[in-house]
Amino acid sequence: HTISYSGTGVQTCALPIYYRRFYPIVKRIKAILQSGQLGHTVYIHSDNFEPINPMPNQPRYWLMQPEKSGGGPMMDMGCHRIEAFTYLLGPVRRVSGSLSNARYKRQVEDTAIAAFEFESGAAGMLASSHAPGIPADTLDISCTGGSLHVPVLNGTELHIRDSKAPGQVSIERFETLPNVHLPLVEDFMQAVSEQRQPAVDGAAGLEVTRLLDMIYGKP
């Protein structure tokens, strides 16, 4: 999940391919949380489901081989939501994980659950699974003064509830990016040109890897 660049006078650098923080809808959520208009953030939750079970003759079968993939859906898909969690809520104090095979008998899990405790005191839960028959990619954030709901993280709608107006839902709509990777690559190239750290740097990738190791119980 990295791209790298090495040029004259510039050190070789690697870029983790965590691009969801560049989504307009995710940037808007970040701005709302930072503004404090919904109070203190207390809980974040995401369900990330995609039915995947490739056969040995299919290109993505390597995902089923732990020596190549490192794990199942949490390693493949969940890592991107973990990066979004840390971008939105900040550093994680503790995380624990539960891995299971609810549907498929294979070498990697088909379902993984991770529970987070952030340094801010907020809590979080991430469910990443290949087992459900219907895909899901939701994001929910609960605050002391309201809540945010994203029906589809790759979609266009953000639902905002404010405790000052109970029963009302404000829906904001955003355009989807024609190429979801392009803003990440553009920021990276600008960082190289300006000799600065990219928005998603090696430290961000290392932190996601640290949390994944804890979820998978790796030393």
N, C-alpha and C. Protein backbone atom coordinates (compact mmCIF):
# COMPACT_ATOMS: atom_id res chain seq x y z
N HIS A 1 0.81 -1.20 0.00
CA HIS A 1 0.00 0.00 0.00
C HIS A 1 0.85 1.27 0.00
N THR A 2 1.95 1.29 -0.73
CA THR A 2 2.79 2.47 -0.77
C THR A 2 3.23 2.78 -2.19
N ILE A 3 3.52 4.06 -2.44
CA ILE A 3 4.23 4.46 -3.64
C ILE A 3 5.45 5.23 -3.16
N SER A 4 6.50 5.27 -3.96
CA SER A 4 7.71 5.95 -3.53
C SER A 4 8.26 6.82 -4.64
N TYR A 5 9.10 7.77 -4.26
CA TYR A 5 9.69 8.70 -5.22
C TYR A 5 11.11 9.03 -4.79
N SER A 6 12.00 9.08 -5.72
CA SER A 6 13.36 9.50 -5.43
C SER A 6 13.83 10.38 -6.57
N GLY A 7 14.24 11.59 -6.26
CA GLY A 7 14.69 12.52 -7.30
C GLY A 7 15.95 13.24 -6.88
N THR A 8 16.52 13.99 -7.79
CA THR A 8 17.76 14.72 -7.51
C THR A 8 17.56 15.67 -6.34
N GLY A 9 18.39 15.51 -5.32
CA GLY A 9 18.33 16.39 -4.17
C GLY A 9 17.19 16.09 -3.22
N VAL A 10 16.41 15.04 -3.48
CA VAL A 10 15.28 14.70 -2.63
C VAL A 10 15.47 13.28 -2.12
N GLN A 11 15.32 13.09 -0.82
CA GLN A 11 15.45 11.77 -0.25
C GLN A 11 14.33 10.87 -0.74
N THR A 12 14.62 9.58 -0.85
CA THR A 12 13.58 8.63 -1.20
C THR A 12 12.52 8.63 -0.11
N CYS A 13 11.25 8.69 -0.53
CA CYS A 13 10.17 8.71 0.46
C CYS A 13 9.06 7.78 0.00
N ALA A 14 8.36 7.23 0.97
CA ALA A 14 7.27 6.30 0.69
C ALA A 14 5.96 6.91 1.15
N LEU A 15 4.90 6.66 0.41
CA LEU A 15 3.59 7.21 0.72
C LEU A 15 2.58 6.09 0.95
N PRO A 16 2.03 5.98 2.17
CA PRO A 16 0.96 5.01 2.38
C PRO A 16 -0.27 5.43 1.56
N ILE A 17 -0.91 4.47 0.92
CA ILE A 17 -2.05 4.79 0.07
C ILE A 17 -3.32 4.84 0.91
N TYR A 18 -3.38 5.81 1.79
CA TYR A 18 -4.58 6.05 2.60
C TYR A 18 -5.18 7.37 2.13
N TYR A 19 -6.16 7.27 1.24
CA TYR A 19 -6.66 8.43 0.53
C TYR A 19 -8.01 8.94 1.01
N ARG A 20 -8.65 8.27 1.94
CA ARG A 20 -10.00 8.68 2.32
C ARG A 20 -10.06 10.02 3.05
N ARG A 21 -8.97 10.42 3.68
CA ARG A 21 -8.99 11.72 4.34
C ARG A 21 -9.12 12.86 3.33
N PHE A 22 -8.89 12.58 2.06
CA PHE A 22 -9.03 13.61 1.03
C PHE A 22 -10.46 13.69 0.48
N TYR A 23 -11.33 12.77 0.88
CA TYR A 23 -12.72 12.84 0.44
C TYR A 23 -13.33 14.16 0.94
N PRO A 24 -14.07 14.89 0.10
CA PRO A 24 -14.73 16.10 0.57
C PRO A 24 -15.62 15.86 1.78
N ILE A 25 -16.31 14.72 1.82
CA ILE A 25 -17.20 14.43 2.94
C ILE A 25 -16.42 14.20 4.23
N VAL A 26 -15.24 13.59 4.14
CA VAL A 26 -14.42 13.35 5.33
C VAL A 26 -13.79 14.66 5.80
N LYS A 27 -13.38 15.51 4.86
CA LYS A 27 -12.86 16.83 5.23
C LYS A 27 -13.93 17.65 5.95
N ARG A 28 -15.15 17.55 5.49
CA ARG A 28 -16.26 18.28 6.13
C ARG A 28 -16.48 17.76 7.56
N ILE A 29 -16.45 16.46 7.73
CA ILE A 29 -16.60 15.88 9.07
C ILE A 29 -15.50 16.38 10.00
N LYS A 30 -14.27 16.40 9.50
CA LYS A 30 -13.14 16.89 10.28
C LYS A 30 -13.38 18.33 10.72
N ALA A 31 -13.86 19.15 9.81
CA ALA A 31 -14.11 20.56 10.12
C ALA A 31 -15.20 20.71 11.18
N ILE A 32 -16.25 19.90 11.08
CA ILE A 32 -17.34 19.96 12.06
C ILE A 32 -16.83 19.56 13.44
N LEU A 33 -16.06 18.48 13.51
CA LEU A 33 -15.55 18.03 14.80
C LEU A 33 -14.60 19.05 15.41
N GLN A 34 -13.75 19.65 14.58
CA GLN A 34 -12.80 20.64 15.09
C GLN A 34 -13.50 21.92 15.54
N SER A 35 -14.63 22.25 14.92
CA SER A 35 -15.35 23.47 15.26
C SER A 35 -16.00 23.39 16.63
N GLY A 36 -16.29 22.17 17.09
CA GLY A 36 -16.96 22.00 18.37
C GLY A 36 -18.44 22.26 18.34
N GLN A 37 -19.02 22.46 17.16
CA GLN A 37 -20.44 22.79 17.08
C GLN A 37 -21.34 21.67 17.57
N LEU A 38 -20.84 20.44 17.57
CA LEU A 38 -21.62 19.31 18.09
C LEU A 38 -21.09 18.84 19.44
N GLY A 39 -20.24 19.65 20.05
CA GLY A 39 -19.71 19.28 21.35
C GLY A 39 -18.53 18.34 21.26
N HIS A 40 -18.34 17.57 22.31
CA HIS A 40 -17.20 16.65 22.41
C HIS A 40 -17.54 15.32 21.74
N THR A 41 -16.62 14.81 20.97
CA THR A 41 -16.82 13.52 20.30
C THR A 41 -16.67 12.38 21.31
N VAL A 42 -17.65 11.49 21.34
CA VAL A 42 -17.61 10.40 22.32
C VAL A 42 -17.50 9.02 21.68
N TYR A 43 -17.94 8.86 20.42
CA TYR A 43 -17.97 7.51 19.84
C TYR A 43 -17.93 7.58 18.32
N ILE A 44 -17.16 6.67 17.72
CA ILE A 44 -17.12 6.52 16.27
C ILE A 44 -17.32 5.06 15.94
N HIS A 45 -18.07 4.79 14.88
CA HIS A 45 -18.40 3.40 14.52
C HIS A 45 -18.44 3.27 13.00
N SER A 46 -17.92 2.16 12.50
CA SER A 46 -17.98 1.89 11.06
C SER A 46 -18.24 0.41 10.81
N ASP A 47 -19.17 0.13 9.93
CA ASP A 47 -19.39 -1.23 9.41
C ASP A 47 -18.86 -1.26 7.98
N ASN A 48 -17.92 -2.16 7.74
CA ASN A 48 -17.24 -2.25 6.45
C ASN A 48 -17.36 -3.69 5.95
N PHE A 49 -18.38 -3.94 5.14
CA PHE A 49 -18.69 -5.29 4.68
C PHE A 49 -18.58 -5.38 3.16
N GLU A 50 -17.92 -6.40 2.69
CA GLU A 50 -17.85 -6.67 1.25
C GLU A 50 -17.68 -8.17 1.07
N PRO A 51 -18.64 -8.83 0.39
CA PRO A 51 -18.53 -10.28 0.20
C PRO A 51 -17.38 -10.63 -0.73
N ILE A 52 -16.34 -11.22 -0.16
CA ILE A 52 -15.15 -11.59 -0.92
C ILE A 52 -14.70 -12.98 -0.50
N ASN A 53 -14.56 -13.87 -1.43
CA ASN A 53 -13.99 -15.19 -1.15
C ASN A 53 -13.40 -15.76 -2.45
N PRO A 54 -12.30 -15.17 -2.93
CA PRO A 54 -11.73 -15.58 -4.22
C PRO A 54 -11.22 -17.02 -4.21
N MET A 55 -11.31 -17.65 -5.36
CA MET A 55 -10.82 -19.00 -5.55
C MET A 55 -9.35 -18.98 -5.99
N PRO A 56 -8.65 -20.13 -5.88
CA PRO A 56 -7.22 -20.16 -6.21
C PRO A 56 -6.88 -19.68 -7.61
N ASN A 57 -7.81 -19.78 -8.55
CA ASN A 57 -7.53 -19.35 -9.92
C ASN A 57 -7.90 -17.89 -10.18
N GLN A 58 -8.25 -17.16 -9.14
CA GLN A 58 -8.65 -15.77 -9.30
C GLN A 58 -7.55 -14.83 -8.80
N PRO A 59 -7.45 -13.64 -9.41
CA PRO A 59 -6.33 -12.73 -9.11
C PRO A 59 -6.19 -12.36 -7.65
N ARG A 60 -7.30 -12.20 -6.91
CA ARG A 60 -7.21 -11.72 -5.53
C ARG A 60 -7.08 -12.86 -4.51
N TYR A 61 -6.76 -14.03 -4.99
CA TYR A 61 -6.63 -15.16 -4.06
C TYR A 61 -5.51 -14.95 -3.04
N TRP A 62 -4.54 -14.11 -3.39
CA TRP A 62 -3.44 -13.86 -2.46
C TRP A 62 -3.95 -13.29 -1.13
N LEU A 63 -5.14 -12.67 -1.16
CA LEU A 63 -5.71 -12.16 0.08
C LEU A 63 -6.03 -13.27 1.08
N MET A 64 -6.19 -14.48 0.57
CA MET A 64 -6.50 -15.63 1.43
C MET A 64 -5.25 -16.29 1.99
N GLN A 65 -4.09 -15.81 1.60
CA GLN A 65 -2.82 -16.40 2.01
C GLN A 65 -2.15 -15.49 3.03
N PRO A 66 -2.18 -15.84 4.31
CA PRO A 66 -1.69 -14.93 5.36
C PRO A 66 -0.23 -14.53 5.21
N GLU A 67 0.58 -15.40 4.60
CA GLU A 67 1.99 -15.05 4.41
C GLU A 67 2.16 -13.91 3.41
N LYS A 68 1.14 -13.67 2.59
CA LYS A 68 1.18 -12.59 1.61
C LYS A 68 0.32 -11.40 2.04
N SER A 69 -0.85 -11.66 2.58
CA SER A 69 -1.80 -10.59 2.91
C SER A 69 -1.64 -10.08 4.34
N GLY A 70 -1.15 -10.92 5.23
CA GLY A 70 -1.04 -10.54 6.64
C GLY A 70 -2.31 -10.74 7.43
N GLY A 71 -3.43 -10.96 6.76
CA GLY A 71 -4.71 -11.15 7.43
C GLY A 71 -5.86 -10.98 6.46
N GLY A 72 -7.06 -11.05 7.00
CA GLY A 72 -8.26 -10.97 6.18
C GLY A 72 -8.79 -9.56 5.99
N PRO A 73 -10.11 -9.35 6.16
CA PRO A 73 -10.71 -8.06 5.81
C PRO A 73 -10.20 -6.88 6.63
N MET A 74 -9.82 -7.10 7.88
CA MET A 74 -9.31 -5.97 8.66
C MET A 74 -7.99 -5.48 8.09
N MET A 75 -7.17 -6.41 7.61
CA MET A 75 -5.89 -6.03 7.03
C MET A 75 -6.09 -5.41 5.64
N ASP A 76 -7.05 -5.94 4.89
CA ASP A 76 -7.26 -5.50 3.51
C ASP A 76 -8.07 -4.21 3.43
N MET A 77 -9.22 -4.18 4.12
CA MET A 77 -10.15 -3.05 4.02
C MET A 77 -10.17 -2.21 5.28
N GLY A 78 -10.11 -2.86 6.42
CA GLY A 78 -10.23 -2.15 7.69
C GLY A 78 -9.14 -1.14 7.92
N CYS A 79 -7.95 -1.40 7.38
CA CYS A 79 -6.83 -0.48 7.58
C CYS A 79 -7.17 0.93 7.12
N HIS A 80 -7.94 1.05 6.05
CA HIS A 80 -8.30 2.37 5.53
C HIS A 80 -9.25 3.09 6.48
N ARG A 81 -10.13 2.35 7.14
CA ARG A 81 -11.04 2.97 8.12
C ARG A 81 -10.29 3.32 9.39
N ILE A 82 -9.29 2.51 9.76
CA ILE A 82 -8.46 2.84 10.92
C ILE A 82 -7.76 4.18 10.70
N GLU A 83 -7.22 4.37 9.50
CA GLU A 83 -6.54 5.63 9.20
C GLU A 83 -7.52 6.79 9.27
N ALA A 84 -8.76 6.58 8.79
CA ALA A 84 -9.78 7.63 8.87
C ALA A 84 -10.13 7.92 10.33
N PHE A 85 -10.21 6.86 11.16
CA PHE A 85 -10.50 7.05 12.59
C PHE A 85 -9.45 7.95 13.22
N THR A 86 -8.17 7.65 12.97
CA THR A 86 -7.09 8.42 13.60
C THR A 86 -7.04 9.85 13.05
N TYR A 87 -7.37 10.01 11.79
CA TYR A 87 -7.41 11.36 11.19
C TYR A 87 -8.50 12.20 11.85
N LEU A 88 -9.65 11.59 12.10
CA LEU A 88 -10.79 12.34 12.63
C LEU A 88 -10.74 12.53 14.14
N LEU A 89 -10.28 11.51 14.87
CA LEU A 89 -10.34 11.55 16.33
C LEU A 89 -8.99 11.63 17.01
N GLY A 90 -7.91 11.49 16.26
CA GLY A 90 -6.59 11.62 16.87
C GLY A 90 -6.01 10.31 17.37
N PRO A 91 -4.97 10.38 18.20
CA PRO A 91 -4.22 9.19 18.62
C PRO A 91 -5.08 8.19 19.38
N VAL A 92 -4.71 6.91 19.23
CA VAL A 92 -5.39 5.81 19.90
C VAL A 92 -4.57 5.37 21.10
N ARG A 93 -5.23 5.28 22.26
CA ARG A 93 -4.55 4.83 23.47
C ARG A 93 -4.47 3.29 23.51
N ARG A 94 -5.59 2.66 23.22
CA ARG A 94 -5.64 1.19 23.25
C ARG A 94 -6.55 0.68 22.15
N VAL A 95 -6.27 -0.52 21.67
CA VAL A 95 -7.15 -1.19 20.72
C VAL A 95 -7.08 -2.68 20.96
N SER A 96 -8.21 -3.35 20.80
CA SER A 96 -8.25 -4.80 20.91
C SER A 96 -9.06 -5.35 19.76
N GLY A 97 -8.80 -6.60 19.41
CA GLY A 97 -9.47 -7.17 18.25
C GLY A 97 -10.02 -8.56 18.49
N SER A 98 -11.01 -8.92 17.70
CA SER A 98 -11.59 -10.25 17.73
C SER A 98 -11.71 -10.73 16.28
N LEU A 99 -11.13 -11.89 15.99
CA LEU A 99 -11.14 -12.44 14.63
C LEU A 99 -11.93 -13.74 14.61
N SER A 100 -12.70 -13.94 13.55
CA SER A 100 -13.49 -15.17 13.47
C SER A 100 -13.75 -15.54 12.01
N ASN A 101 -14.22 -16.75 11.83
CA ASN A 101 -14.65 -17.23 10.51
C ASN A 101 -16.12 -17.59 10.61
N ALA A 102 -16.94 -16.60 10.34
CA ALA A 102 -18.38 -16.76 10.48
C ALA A 102 -19.01 -17.50 9.31
N ARG A 103 -18.31 -17.47 8.17
CA ARG A 103 -18.90 -18.05 6.95
C ARG A 103 -17.95 -18.96 6.20
N TYR A 104 -16.70 -18.52 6.06
CA TYR A 104 -15.76 -19.25 5.23
C TYR A 104 -14.68 -19.93 6.08
N LYS A 105 -14.36 -21.15 5.74
CA LYS A 105 -13.25 -21.85 6.38
C LYS A 105 -12.00 -21.63 5.52
N ARG A 106 -11.14 -20.78 6.02
CA ARG A 106 -9.94 -20.44 5.27
C ARG A 106 -8.85 -20.00 6.25
N GLN A 107 -7.67 -19.69 5.74
CA GLN A 107 -6.53 -19.40 6.61
C GLN A 107 -6.59 -18.02 7.26
N VAL A 108 -7.34 -17.11 6.67
CA VAL A 108 -7.51 -15.79 7.26
C VAL A 108 -8.96 -15.62 7.70
N GLU A 109 -9.17 -14.72 8.63
CA GLU A 109 -10.52 -14.48 9.13
C GLU A 109 -11.42 -13.93 8.03
N ASP A 110 -12.72 -14.15 8.16
CA ASP A 110 -13.66 -13.49 7.26
C ASP A 110 -14.39 -12.35 7.98
N THR A 111 -14.21 -12.27 9.30
CA THR A 111 -14.85 -11.22 10.08
C THR A 111 -13.90 -10.76 11.19
N ALA A 112 -13.76 -9.45 11.33
CA ALA A 112 -12.89 -8.90 12.37
C ALA A 112 -13.58 -7.71 13.03
N ILE A 113 -13.46 -7.65 14.34
CA ILE A 113 -14.01 -6.54 15.12
C ILE A 113 -12.87 -5.90 15.89
N ALA A 114 -12.80 -4.57 15.88
CA ALA A 114 -11.78 -3.86 16.64
C ALA A 114 -12.44 -2.81 17.52
N ALA A 115 -12.02 -2.76 18.78
CA ALA A 115 -12.53 -1.77 19.74
C ALA A 115 -11.41 -0.79 20.08
N PHE A 116 -11.68 0.50 19.98
CA PHE A 116 -10.68 1.54 20.15
C PHE A 116 -10.98 2.40 21.37
N GLU A 117 -9.90 2.82 22.04
CA GLU A 117 -9.99 3.86 23.05
C GLU A 117 -9.00 4.95 22.65
N PHE A 118 -9.53 6.14 22.38
CA PHE A 118 -8.70 7.25 21.93
C PHE A 118 -8.15 8.03 23.12
N GLU A 119 -7.05 8.70 22.90
CA GLU A 119 -6.46 9.49 23.97
C GLU A 119 -7.38 10.61 24.43
N SER A 120 -8.29 11.03 23.58
CA SER A 120 -9.27 12.06 23.94
C SER A 120 -10.31 11.55 24.92
N GLY A 121 -10.39 10.22 25.08
CA GLY A 121 -11.42 9.61 25.91
C GLY A 121 -12.54 9.01 25.10
N ALA A 122 -12.62 9.33 23.81
CA ALA A 122 -13.65 8.77 22.94
C ALA A 122 -13.40 7.28 22.72
N ALA A 123 -14.45 6.57 22.36
CA ALA A 123 -14.37 5.15 22.06
C ALA A 123 -14.75 4.92 20.60
N GLY A 124 -14.40 3.75 20.08
CA GLY A 124 -14.72 3.44 18.70
C GLY A 124 -14.87 1.96 18.46
N MET A 125 -15.59 1.62 17.42
CA MET A 125 -15.78 0.22 17.04
C MET A 125 -15.75 0.12 15.51
N LEU A 126 -14.98 -0.83 15.02
CA LEU A 126 -14.88 -1.08 13.58
C LEU A 126 -15.15 -2.54 13.31
N ALA A 127 -16.12 -2.81 12.45
CA ALA A 127 -16.41 -4.18 12.01
C ALA A 127 -16.07 -4.28 10.53
N SER A 128 -15.18 -5.20 10.20
CA SER A 128 -14.76 -5.39 8.81
C SER A 128 -14.95 -6.86 8.46
N SER A 129 -15.73 -7.14 7.43
CA SER A 129 -16.10 -8.54 7.18
C SER A 129 -16.31 -8.83 5.70
N HIS A 130 -15.91 -10.06 5.32
CA HIS A 130 -16.20 -10.60 3.99
C HIS A 130 -17.43 -11.49 4.00
N ALA A 131 -18.03 -11.72 5.17
CA ALA A 131 -19.08 -12.73 5.30
C ALA A 131 -20.48 -12.26 4.91
N PRO A 132 -20.92 -11.05 5.24
CA PRO A 132 -22.29 -10.65 4.90
C PRO A 132 -22.54 -10.64 3.40
N GLY A 133 -23.77 -10.97 3.03
CA GLY A 133 -24.12 -11.00 1.62
C GLY A 133 -24.37 -9.65 1.01
N ILE A 134 -24.64 -8.65 1.86
CA ILE A 134 -24.93 -7.31 1.37
C ILE A 134 -23.81 -6.37 1.82
N PRO A 135 -23.19 -5.64 0.90
CA PRO A 135 -22.10 -4.73 1.27
C PRO A 135 -22.58 -3.59 2.16
N ALA A 136 -21.68 -3.06 2.96
CA ALA A 136 -21.96 -1.89 3.78
C ALA A 136 -20.66 -1.12 3.99
N ASP A 137 -20.77 0.18 4.09
CA ASP A 137 -19.59 1.01 4.37
C ASP A 137 -20.05 2.29 5.07
N THR A 138 -20.56 2.12 6.29
CA THR A 138 -21.14 3.22 7.03
C THR A 138 -20.12 3.86 7.96
N LEU A 139 -20.40 5.10 8.34
CA LEU A 139 -19.60 5.79 9.34
C LEU A 139 -20.55 6.61 10.21
N ASP A 140 -20.46 6.38 11.53
CA ASP A 140 -21.30 7.11 12.47
C ASP A 140 -20.44 7.69 13.57
N ILE A 141 -20.70 8.96 13.91
CA ILE A 141 -19.97 9.63 14.98
C ILE A 141 -20.99 10.27 15.91
N SER A 142 -20.88 9.94 17.19
CA SER A 142 -21.78 10.51 18.20
C SER A 142 -21.01 11.51 19.05
N CYS A 143 -21.60 12.68 19.26
CA CYS A 143 -21.00 13.75 20.05
C CYS A 143 -21.96 14.14 21.17
N THR A 144 -21.48 14.92 22.11
CA THR A 144 -22.32 15.32 23.22
C THR A 144 -23.45 16.24 22.78
N GLY A 145 -23.30 16.87 21.61
CA GLY A 145 -24.33 17.80 21.15
C GLY A 145 -24.95 17.43 19.82
N GLY A 146 -24.77 16.20 19.38
CA GLY A 146 -25.34 15.79 18.10
C GLY A 146 -24.64 14.59 17.53
N SER A 147 -24.89 14.31 16.26
CA SER A 147 -24.29 13.14 15.63
C SER A 147 -24.12 13.35 14.14
N LEU A 148 -23.25 12.54 13.56
CA LEU A 148 -22.99 12.54 12.12
C LEU A 148 -23.18 11.12 11.61
N HIS A 149 -23.83 11.00 10.47
CA HIS A 149 -24.06 9.68 9.87
C HIS A 149 -23.75 9.74 8.39
N VAL A 150 -22.90 8.83 7.93
CA VAL A 150 -22.58 8.69 6.51
C VAL A 150 -23.10 7.33 6.07
N PRO A 151 -24.16 7.28 5.25
CA PRO A 151 -24.71 5.99 4.83
C PRO A 151 -23.72 5.15 4.04
N VAL A 152 -22.93 5.82 3.17
CA VAL A 152 -21.92 5.14 2.36
C VAL A 152 -20.69 6.05 2.32
N LEU A 153 -19.58 5.57 2.85
CA LEU A 153 -18.39 6.42 2.93
C LEU A 153 -17.90 6.83 1.55
N ASN A 154 -18.07 5.98 0.56
CA ASN A 154 -17.69 6.33 -0.81
C ASN A 154 -18.82 7.05 -1.54
N GLY A 155 -19.87 7.41 -0.81
CA GLY A 155 -21.03 8.03 -1.42
C GLY A 155 -21.02 9.54 -1.33
N THR A 156 -22.21 10.13 -1.25
CA THR A 156 -22.34 11.59 -1.40
C THR A 156 -23.03 12.29 -0.23
N GLU A 157 -23.61 11.57 0.73
CA GLU A 157 -24.46 12.19 1.73
C GLU A 157 -23.86 12.16 3.13
N LEU A 158 -24.01 13.30 3.83
CA LEU A 158 -23.67 13.41 5.24
C LEU A 158 -24.92 13.88 5.98
N HIS A 159 -25.36 13.10 6.97
CA HIS A 159 -26.53 13.44 7.76
C HIS A 159 -26.07 14.03 9.09
N ILE A 160 -26.55 15.21 9.42
CA ILE A 160 -26.13 15.90 10.63
C ILE A 160 -27.34 16.11 11.54
N ARG A 161 -27.21 15.66 12.78
CA ARG A 161 -28.23 15.90 13.80
C ARG A 161 -27.64 16.78 14.89
N ASP A 162 -28.38 17.80 15.29
CA ASP A 162 -27.95 18.71 16.34
C ASP A 162 -28.95 18.63 17.49
N SER A 163 -28.46 18.44 18.70
CA SER A 163 -29.35 18.30 19.85
C SER A 163 -30.16 19.57 20.10
N LYS A 164 -29.73 20.70 19.54
CA LYS A 164 -30.49 21.94 19.69
C LYS A 164 -31.76 21.92 18.84
N ALA A 165 -31.80 21.02 17.86
CA ALA A 165 -32.99 20.89 17.00
C ALA A 165 -33.36 19.41 16.91
N PRO A 166 -33.83 18.83 18.01
CA PRO A 166 -34.15 17.39 18.04
C PRO A 166 -35.19 17.03 16.99
N GLY A 167 -34.97 15.89 16.36
CA GLY A 167 -35.91 15.42 15.35
C GLY A 167 -35.62 15.92 13.96
N GLN A 168 -34.71 16.88 13.84
CA GLN A 168 -34.37 17.42 12.52
C GLN A 168 -33.05 16.83 12.04
N VAL A 169 -32.98 16.56 10.75
CA VAL A 169 -31.77 16.05 10.14
C VAL A 169 -31.38 16.96 8.99
N SER A 170 -30.17 17.47 9.05
CA SER A 170 -29.64 18.28 7.95
C SER A 170 -28.80 17.37 7.06
N ILE A 171 -29.11 17.35 5.78
CA ILE A 171 -28.40 16.48 4.84
C ILE A 171 -27.55 17.35 3.91
N GLU A 172 -26.25 17.11 3.93
CA GLU A 172 -25.33 17.79 3.02
C GLU A 172 -24.88 16.79 1.97
N ARG A 173 -24.77 17.24 0.73
CA ARG A 173 -24.39 16.37 -0.37
C ARG A 173 -23.08 16.84 -1.00
N PHE A 174 -22.26 15.88 -1.36
CA PHE A 174 -20.95 16.17 -1.91
C PHE A 174 -20.75 15.39 -3.20
N GLU A 175 -19.97 15.95 -4.09
CA GLU A 175 -19.63 15.24 -5.31
C GLU A 175 -18.60 14.16 -4.99
N THR A 176 -18.72 13.02 -5.66
CA THR A 176 -17.70 11.99 -5.53
C THR A 176 -16.51 12.35 -6.41
N LEU A 177 -15.35 11.95 -5.99
CA LEU A 177 -14.15 12.24 -6.77
C LEU A 177 -14.07 11.31 -7.98
N PRO A 178 -13.77 11.85 -9.17
CA PRO A 178 -13.66 10.99 -10.35
C PRO A 178 -12.51 10.00 -10.24
N ASN A 179 -11.46 10.37 -9.52
CA ASN A 179 -10.33 9.48 -9.26
C ASN A 179 -9.96 9.65 -7.79
N VAL A 180 -10.33 8.69 -6.95
CA VAL A 180 -10.17 8.85 -5.50
C VAL A 180 -8.71 8.93 -5.08
N HIS A 181 -7.79 8.41 -5.91
CA HIS A 181 -6.38 8.43 -5.55
C HIS A 181 -5.68 9.74 -5.93
N LEU A 182 -6.26 10.49 -6.86
CA LEU A 182 -5.56 11.64 -7.41
C LEU A 182 -5.19 12.71 -6.37
N PRO A 183 -6.09 13.10 -5.45
CA PRO A 183 -5.70 14.12 -4.47
C PRO A 183 -4.51 13.69 -3.60
N LEU A 184 -4.44 12.42 -3.26
CA LEU A 184 -3.32 11.90 -2.49
C LEU A 184 -2.02 12.03 -3.28
N VAL A 185 -2.06 11.62 -4.54
CA VAL A 185 -0.86 11.68 -5.39
C VAL A 185 -0.45 13.13 -5.61
N GLU A 186 -1.42 14.01 -5.84
CA GLU A 186 -1.10 15.42 -6.06
C GLU A 186 -0.45 16.03 -4.82
N ASP A 187 -0.98 15.71 -3.64
CA ASP A 187 -0.39 16.23 -2.41
C ASP A 187 1.04 15.70 -2.24
N PHE A 188 1.23 14.44 -2.59
CA PHE A 188 2.56 13.83 -2.47
C PHE A 188 3.56 14.54 -3.38
N MET A 189 3.16 14.78 -4.64
CA MET A 189 4.07 15.44 -5.58
C MET A 189 4.34 16.88 -5.16
N GLN A 190 3.34 17.56 -4.63
CA GLN A 190 3.55 18.90 -4.12
C GLN A 190 4.50 18.89 -2.93
N ALA A 191 4.37 17.87 -2.08
CA ALA A 191 5.25 17.75 -0.92
C ALA A 191 6.70 17.56 -1.35
N VAL A 192 6.91 16.76 -2.40
CA VAL A 192 8.26 16.56 -2.93
C VAL A 192 8.80 17.88 -3.47
N SER A 193 7.96 18.60 -4.23
CA SER A 193 8.38 19.87 -4.83
C SER A 193 8.69 20.92 -3.77
N GLU A 194 7.87 20.93 -2.70
CA GLU A 194 8.01 21.94 -1.65
C GLU A 194 8.93 21.48 -0.52
N GLN A 195 9.43 20.24 -0.63
CA GLN A 195 10.31 19.65 0.38
C GLN A 195 9.66 19.69 1.76
N ARG A 196 8.42 19.20 1.82
CA ARG A 196 7.69 19.08 3.07
C ARG A 196 7.14 17.66 3.20
N GLN A 197 6.64 17.33 4.37
CA GLN A 197 6.01 16.04 4.57
C GLN A 197 4.65 16.02 3.87
N PRO A 198 4.28 14.91 3.24
CA PRO A 198 2.94 14.82 2.66
C PRO A 198 1.89 14.73 3.76
N ALA A 199 0.64 14.99 3.42
CA ALA A 199 -0.44 14.94 4.41
C ALA A 199 -0.55 13.56 5.04
N VAL A 200 -0.34 12.53 4.23
CA VAL A 200 -0.31 11.16 4.74
C VAL A 200 1.13 10.67 4.62
N ASP A 201 1.86 10.74 5.71
CA ASP A 201 3.28 10.41 5.65
C ASP A 201 3.55 9.03 6.22
N GLY A 202 4.82 8.69 6.31
CA GLY A 202 5.20 7.38 6.81
C GLY A 202 4.76 7.14 8.23
N ALA A 203 4.73 8.19 9.04
CA ALA A 203 4.29 8.05 10.42
C ALA A 203 2.83 7.62 10.50
N ALA A 204 1.99 8.16 9.59
CA ALA A 204 0.58 7.77 9.56
C ALA A 204 0.44 6.30 9.19
N GLY A 205 1.22 5.86 8.21
CA GLY A 205 1.18 4.45 7.82
C GLY A 205 1.69 3.54 8.93
N LEU A 206 2.74 3.98 9.62
CA LEU A 206 3.31 3.19 10.71
C LEU A 206 2.32 3.04 11.85
N GLU A 207 1.56 4.11 12.14
CA GLU A 207 0.59 4.05 13.22
C GLU A 207 -0.53 3.05 12.89
N VAL A 208 -0.99 3.05 11.65
CA VAL A 208 -2.01 2.07 11.25
C VAL A 208 -1.47 0.65 11.40
N THR A 209 -0.22 0.45 10.99
CA THR A 209 0.39 -0.87 11.13
C THR A 209 0.52 -1.28 12.59
N ARG A 210 0.87 -0.34 13.46
CA ARG A 210 0.97 -0.62 14.90
C ARG A 210 -0.38 -1.08 15.45
N LEU A 211 -1.43 -0.40 15.06
CA LEU A 211 -2.77 -0.75 15.54
C LEU A 211 -3.23 -2.09 14.98
N LEU A 212 -2.91 -2.35 13.71
CA LEU A 212 -3.25 -3.65 13.12
C LEU A 212 -2.54 -4.78 13.85
N ASP A 213 -1.28 -4.58 14.19
CA ASP A 213 -0.54 -5.60 14.94
C ASP A 213 -1.21 -5.91 16.26
N MET A 214 -1.73 -4.90 16.93
CA MET A 214 -2.42 -5.10 18.20
C MET A 214 -3.74 -5.83 17.98
N ILE A 215 -4.46 -5.47 16.93
CA ILE A 215 -5.73 -6.15 16.64
C ILE A 215 -5.51 -7.62 16.34
N TYR A 216 -4.44 -7.92 15.61
CA TYR A 216 -4.13 -9.30 15.24
C TYR A 216 -3.32 -10.03 16.31
N GLY A 217 -3.01 -9.35 17.39
CA GLY A 217 -2.27 -9.98 18.48
C GLY A 217 -0.82 -10.30 18.14
N LYS A 218 -0.23 -9.49 17.26
CA LYS A 218 1.14 -9.73 16.88
C LYS A 218 2.08 -9.03 17.87
N PRO A 219 3.23 -9.63 18.19
CA PRO A 219 4.16 -9.03 19.15
C PRO A 219 4.79 -7.75 18.59
